[in-house]
Amino acid sequence: MYQFERKVRYYEKLHGRKADRLIVISPMVEPTALEVASKLGIEVYSHADDAGQALSEL
């Protein structure tokens, strides 16, 4: 999660845009990673179907 967040910040700096939402889709996420994601404001979904509404809003 930390690496994903760093990549987002790099993208923002490179393109001069702010990411509206941070979304990760992964079938297996460790509980500690979920805690970190929550602290960093990252939304975590286990399947693309679960993220359907979030993805359609993009």
N, C-alpha and C. Protein backbone atom coordinates (compact mmCIF):
# COMPACT_ATOMS: atom_id res chain seq x y z
N MET A 1 0.82 -1.19 0.00
CA MET A 1 0.00 0.00 0.00
C MET A 1 0.87 1.26 0.00
N TYR A 2 1.96 1.19 0.76
CA TYR A 2 2.84 2.36 0.78
C TYR A 2 3.42 2.63 -0.61
N GLN A 3 3.79 1.56 -1.30
CA GLN A 3 4.37 1.74 -2.63
C GLN A 3 3.32 2.29 -3.61
N PHE A 4 2.10 1.80 -3.51
CA PHE A 4 1.02 2.32 -4.36
C PHE A 4 0.83 3.82 -4.10
N GLU A 5 0.82 4.20 -2.84
CA GLU A 5 0.63 5.59 -2.48
C GLU A 5 1.78 6.46 -3.03
N ARG A 6 2.99 5.94 -2.98
CA ARG A 6 4.13 6.66 -3.54
C ARG A 6 4.01 6.83 -5.04
N LYS A 7 3.51 5.80 -5.72
CA LYS A 7 3.32 5.88 -7.17
C LYS A 7 2.26 6.92 -7.52
N VAL A 8 1.22 6.99 -6.71
CA VAL A 8 0.18 8.00 -6.92
C VAL A 8 0.77 9.39 -6.78
N ARG A 9 1.56 9.62 -5.73
CA ARG A 9 2.16 10.94 -5.52
C ARG A 9 3.11 11.30 -6.67
N TYR A 10 3.85 10.31 -7.17
CA TYR A 10 4.73 10.54 -8.31
C TYR A 10 3.92 10.93 -9.55
N TYR A 11 2.85 10.20 -9.81
CA TYR A 11 1.97 10.51 -10.94
C TYR A 11 1.42 11.93 -10.83
N GLU A 12 0.98 12.28 -9.63
CA GLU A 12 0.42 13.62 -9.42
C GLU A 12 1.47 14.69 -9.71
N LYS A 13 2.68 14.47 -9.25
CA LYS A 13 3.75 15.44 -9.47
C LYS A 13 4.11 15.52 -10.95
N LEU A 14 4.20 14.37 -11.61
CA LEU A 14 4.59 14.30 -13.01
C LEU A 14 3.57 14.98 -13.92
N HIS A 15 2.29 14.75 -13.65
CA HIS A 15 1.23 15.25 -14.52
C HIS A 15 0.55 16.53 -14.02
N GLY A 16 0.92 16.96 -12.82
CA GLY A 16 0.34 18.18 -12.28
C GLY A 16 -1.15 18.07 -11.99
N ARG A 17 -1.59 16.88 -11.66
CA ARG A 17 -3.00 16.62 -11.34
C ARG A 17 -3.10 15.91 -10.00
N LYS A 18 -4.20 16.12 -9.31
CA LYS A 18 -4.45 15.44 -8.04
C LYS A 18 -5.39 14.27 -8.28
N ALA A 19 -5.06 13.12 -7.74
CA ALA A 19 -5.93 11.95 -7.85
C ALA A 19 -7.17 12.17 -7.00
N ASP A 20 -8.34 11.97 -7.58
CA ASP A 20 -9.59 12.13 -6.83
C ASP A 20 -9.79 11.00 -5.83
N ARG A 21 -9.47 9.80 -6.27
CA ARG A 21 -9.67 8.62 -5.42
C ARG A 21 -8.53 7.65 -5.65
N LEU A 22 -8.20 6.89 -4.62
CA LEU A 22 -7.19 5.84 -4.72
C LEU A 22 -7.91 4.51 -4.55
N ILE A 23 -7.88 3.69 -5.58
CA ILE A 23 -8.62 2.42 -5.57
C ILE A 23 -7.67 1.28 -5.90
N VAL A 24 -7.69 0.24 -5.07
CA VAL A 24 -6.91 -0.98 -5.29
C VAL A 24 -7.89 -2.14 -5.41
N ILE A 25 -7.70 -2.97 -6.43
CA ILE A 25 -8.50 -4.18 -6.58
C ILE A 25 -7.54 -5.36 -6.51
N SER A 26 -7.69 -6.18 -5.48
CA SER A 26 -6.82 -7.32 -5.26
C SER A 26 -7.59 -8.43 -4.55
N PRO A 27 -7.47 -9.67 -5.02
CA PRO A 27 -8.23 -10.75 -4.39
C PRO A 27 -7.77 -11.09 -2.98
N MET A 28 -6.50 -10.81 -2.67
CA MET A 28 -6.00 -11.12 -1.33
C MET A 28 -5.22 -9.93 -0.79
N VAL A 29 -5.67 -9.40 0.33
CA VAL A 29 -4.99 -8.30 0.99
C VAL A 29 -4.86 -8.65 2.46
N GLU A 30 -3.66 -8.55 2.97
CA GLU A 30 -3.43 -8.87 4.37
C GLU A 30 -4.11 -7.85 5.27
N PRO A 31 -4.55 -8.28 6.44
CA PRO A 31 -5.22 -7.37 7.37
C PRO A 31 -4.40 -6.12 7.71
N THR A 32 -3.09 -6.28 7.86
CA THR A 32 -2.26 -5.11 8.15
C THR A 32 -2.25 -4.13 6.98
N ALA A 33 -2.29 -4.67 5.76
CA ALA A 33 -2.33 -3.82 4.57
C ALA A 33 -3.66 -3.07 4.50
N LEU A 34 -4.74 -3.71 4.94
CA LEU A 34 -6.04 -3.03 4.97
C LEU A 34 -6.02 -1.86 5.95
N GLU A 35 -5.36 -2.04 7.07
CA GLU A 35 -5.24 -0.95 8.05
C GLU A 35 -4.46 0.22 7.45
N VAL A 36 -3.37 -0.09 6.79
CA VAL A 36 -2.55 0.95 6.16
C VAL A 36 -3.36 1.66 5.08
N ALA A 37 -4.08 0.89 4.27
CA ALA A 37 -4.90 1.47 3.21
C ALA A 37 -5.93 2.44 3.79
N SER A 38 -6.53 2.06 4.87
CA SER A 38 -7.51 2.92 5.51
C SER A 38 -6.88 4.23 5.97
N LYS A 39 -5.70 4.14 6.56
CA LYS A 39 -5.01 5.34 7.03
C LYS A 39 -4.59 6.26 5.88
N LEU A 40 -4.28 5.65 4.72
CA LEU A 40 -3.83 6.43 3.57
C LEU A 40 -4.99 6.88 2.68
N GLY A 41 -6.20 6.47 3.02
CA GLY A 41 -7.36 6.86 2.22
C GLY A 41 -7.51 6.07 0.94
N ILE A 42 -7.02 4.83 0.94
CA ILE A 42 -7.10 3.97 -0.23
C ILE A 42 -8.31 3.05 -0.09
N GLU A 43 -9.14 3.00 -1.12
CA GLU A 43 -10.28 2.09 -1.14
C GLU A 43 -9.80 0.74 -1.65
N VAL A 44 -10.15 -0.34 -0.97
CA VAL A 44 -9.71 -1.68 -1.34
C VAL A 44 -10.92 -2.55 -1.65
N TYR A 45 -10.88 -3.19 -2.81
CA TYR A 45 -11.93 -4.11 -3.24
C TYR A 45 -11.30 -5.44 -3.59
N SER A 46 -12.02 -6.54 -3.34
CA SER A 46 -11.47 -7.86 -3.61
C SER A 46 -11.78 -8.35 -5.02
N HIS A 47 -12.71 -7.70 -5.71
CA HIS A 47 -13.09 -8.11 -7.06
C HIS A 47 -13.59 -6.89 -7.81
N ALA A 48 -13.37 -6.86 -9.11
CA ALA A 48 -13.80 -5.71 -9.91
C ALA A 48 -15.30 -5.50 -9.83
N ASP A 49 -16.06 -6.59 -9.70
CA ASP A 49 -17.51 -6.47 -9.56
C ASP A 49 -17.89 -5.73 -8.28
N ASP A 50 -17.11 -5.94 -7.22
CA ASP A 50 -17.37 -5.25 -5.96
C ASP A 50 -17.14 -3.74 -6.11
N ALA A 51 -16.21 -3.40 -6.97
CA ALA A 51 -15.87 -1.99 -7.17
C ALA A 51 -16.69 -1.36 -8.29
N GLY A 52 -17.67 -2.07 -8.78
CA GLY A 52 -18.45 -1.62 -9.93
C GLY A 52 -18.93 -0.19 -9.83
N GLN A 53 -19.58 0.17 -8.76
CA GLN A 53 -20.09 1.53 -8.59
C GLN A 53 -18.96 2.55 -8.53
N ALA A 54 -17.91 2.22 -7.79
CA ALA A 54 -16.78 3.13 -7.67
C ALA A 54 -16.11 3.36 -9.02
N LEU A 55 -15.99 2.31 -9.82
CA LEU A 55 -15.35 2.43 -11.13
C LEU A 55 -16.24 3.17 -12.12
N SER A 56 -17.54 3.01 -12.02
CA SER A 56 -18.42 3.68 -12.98
C SER A 56 -18.48 5.18 -12.74
N GLU A 57 -18.11 5.62 -11.54
CA GLU A 57 -18.10 7.04 -11.22
C GLU A 57 -16.88 7.75 -11.77
N LEU A 58 -15.87 7.00 -12.23
CA LEU A 58 -14.62 7.61 -12.71
C LEU A 58 -14.78 8.22 -14.05
